[in-house]
């Protein structure tokens, strides 16, 4: 069973010192906890391609 939990804001500092914010969602899958990148990852990825 999947249970969505609260989101956690994560500040990502890249080697070039560019700073981005990602949101992680905490999911409970059976008896395990996982953190899933919730949004904005594509934006960070696209900026790296420039």
N, C-alpha and C. Protein backbone atom coordinates (compact mmCIF):
# COMPACT_ATOMS: atom_id res chain seq x y z
N UNK A 1 0.85 -1.19 0.00
CA UNK A 1 0.00 0.00 0.00
C UNK A 1 0.89 1.24 0.00
N UNK A 2 0.55 2.20 -0.82
CA UNK A 2 1.29 3.46 -0.90
C UNK A 2 0.58 4.52 -0.07
N UNK A 3 1.32 5.21 0.74
CA UNK A 3 0.78 6.32 1.52
C UNK A 3 1.64 7.54 1.31
N UNK A 4 1.08 8.58 0.69
CA UNK A 4 1.84 9.81 0.46
C UNK A 4 2.00 10.55 1.78
N UNK A 5 3.16 11.08 2.01
CA UNK A 5 3.44 11.84 3.23
C UNK A 5 3.77 13.27 2.84
N UNK A 6 4.19 14.06 3.78
CA UNK A 6 4.51 15.46 3.55
C UNK A 6 5.72 15.62 2.62
N UNK A 7 5.84 16.80 2.06
CA UNK A 7 6.96 17.11 1.18
C UNK A 7 8.09 17.76 1.97
N UNK A 8 9.30 17.55 1.46
CA UNK A 8 10.50 18.13 2.06
C UNK A 8 11.20 18.95 0.99
N UNK A 9 11.52 20.20 1.29
CA UNK A 9 12.27 21.05 0.36
C UNK A 9 13.75 20.72 0.49
N UNK A 10 14.40 20.52 -0.65
CA UNK A 10 15.81 20.16 -0.68
C UNK A 10 16.55 21.21 -1.50
N UNK A 11 17.59 21.78 -0.95
CA UNK A 11 18.42 22.73 -1.69
C UNK A 11 19.56 21.96 -2.33
N UNK A 12 19.66 22.06 -3.64
CA UNK A 12 20.68 21.35 -4.41
C UNK A 12 21.74 22.35 -4.85
N UNK A 13 22.99 22.13 -4.43
CA UNK A 13 24.10 22.98 -4.83
C UNK A 13 24.98 22.16 -5.76
N UNK A 14 25.08 22.59 -7.00
CA UNK A 14 25.85 21.86 -8.00
C UNK A 14 27.32 22.26 -7.95
N UNK A 15 28.20 21.47 -8.57
CA UNK A 15 29.63 21.79 -8.56
C UNK A 15 29.96 23.19 -9.11
N UNK A 16 29.12 23.69 -10.03
CA UNK A 16 29.34 25.03 -10.57
C UNK A 16 28.77 26.11 -9.65
N UNK A 17 28.28 25.70 -8.46
CA UNK A 17 27.69 26.57 -7.43
C UNK A 17 26.32 27.11 -7.79
N UNK A 18 25.70 26.55 -8.81
CA UNK A 18 24.32 26.87 -9.13
C UNK A 18 23.43 26.25 -8.04
N UNK A 19 22.43 27.00 -7.59
CA UNK A 19 21.56 26.53 -6.51
C UNK A 19 20.14 26.35 -7.04
N UNK A 20 19.55 25.21 -6.74
CA UNK A 20 18.17 24.90 -7.14
C UNK A 20 17.45 24.31 -5.94
N UNK A 21 16.14 24.34 -5.99
CA UNK A 21 15.33 23.73 -4.94
C UNK A 21 14.48 22.63 -5.54
N UNK A 22 14.53 21.46 -4.93
CA UNK A 22 13.72 20.32 -5.33
C UNK A 22 12.79 19.96 -4.18
N UNK A 23 11.65 19.38 -4.50
CA UNK A 23 10.74 18.90 -3.48
C UNK A 23 10.77 17.38 -3.46
N UNK A 24 10.95 16.83 -2.27
CA UNK A 24 10.92 15.38 -2.10
C UNK A 24 9.63 15.01 -1.38
N UNK A 25 9.00 13.95 -1.86
CA UNK A 25 7.83 13.42 -1.18
C UNK A 25 8.23 12.14 -0.46
N UNK A 26 7.82 12.01 0.76
CA UNK A 26 8.13 10.83 1.57
C UNK A 26 6.98 9.83 1.39
N UNK A 27 7.31 8.63 0.92
CA UNK A 27 6.31 7.60 0.67
C UNK A 27 6.57 6.41 1.57
N UNK A 28 5.51 5.86 2.09
CA UNK A 28 5.57 4.62 2.86
C UNK A 28 5.07 3.50 1.95
N UNK A 29 5.96 2.56 1.63
CA UNK A 29 5.61 1.43 0.78
C UNK A 29 5.79 0.18 1.64
N UNK A 30 4.68 -0.38 2.04
CA UNK A 30 4.66 -1.48 3.01
C UNK A 30 5.37 -1.01 4.28
N UNK A 31 6.49 -1.60 4.63
CA UNK A 31 7.17 -1.18 5.86
C UNK A 31 8.42 -0.35 5.57
N UNK A 32 8.61 0.07 4.31
CA UNK A 32 9.78 0.85 3.92
C UNK A 32 9.42 2.30 3.65
N UNK A 33 10.36 3.20 3.90
CA UNK A 33 10.18 4.61 3.56
C UNK A 33 11.09 4.96 2.40
N UNK A 34 10.56 5.73 1.45
CA UNK A 34 11.34 6.19 0.31
C UNK A 34 11.09 7.68 0.13
N UNK A 35 12.09 8.37 -0.41
CA UNK A 35 11.94 9.78 -0.75
C UNK A 35 11.99 9.88 -2.26
N UNK A 36 10.97 10.48 -2.85
CA UNK A 36 10.80 10.57 -4.29
C UNK A 36 10.92 12.03 -4.71
N UNK A 37 11.72 12.30 -5.76
CA UNK A 37 11.78 13.66 -6.31
C UNK A 37 10.42 13.95 -6.91
N UNK A 38 9.76 14.94 -6.39
CA UNK A 38 8.37 15.20 -6.70
C UNK A 38 8.18 16.09 -7.91
N UNK A 39 8.98 17.11 -8.06
CA UNK A 39 8.81 18.06 -9.16
C UNK A 39 10.10 18.85 -9.36
N UNK A 40 10.16 19.60 -10.40
CA UNK A 40 11.25 20.52 -10.72
C UNK A 40 12.55 19.85 -11.15
N UNK A 41 12.62 18.52 -11.18
CA UNK A 41 13.87 17.88 -11.61
C UNK A 41 14.16 18.17 -13.07
N UNK A 42 13.12 18.18 -13.91
CA UNK A 42 13.34 18.47 -15.34
C UNK A 42 13.93 19.85 -15.54
N UNK A 43 13.52 20.81 -14.74
CA UNK A 43 14.07 22.17 -14.82
C UNK A 43 15.57 22.16 -14.52
N UNK A 44 15.98 21.44 -13.49
CA UNK A 44 17.40 21.34 -13.13
C UNK A 44 18.16 20.64 -14.25
N UNK A 45 17.60 19.56 -14.77
CA UNK A 45 18.25 18.81 -15.84
C UNK A 45 18.43 19.67 -17.09
N UNK A 46 17.40 20.42 -17.47
CA UNK A 46 17.48 21.29 -18.65
C UNK A 46 18.54 22.37 -18.48
N UNK A 47 18.66 22.92 -17.29
CA UNK A 47 19.67 23.95 -17.04
C UNK A 47 21.08 23.38 -17.15
N UNK A 48 21.26 22.12 -16.81
CA UNK A 48 22.57 21.48 -16.93
C UNK A 48 22.96 21.27 -18.39
N UNK A 49 21.98 21.13 -19.26
CA UNK A 49 22.25 20.88 -20.67
C UNK A 49 22.69 22.13 -21.42
N UNK A 50 22.54 23.29 -20.83
CA UNK A 50 22.93 24.55 -21.48
C UNK A 50 24.40 24.76 -21.45
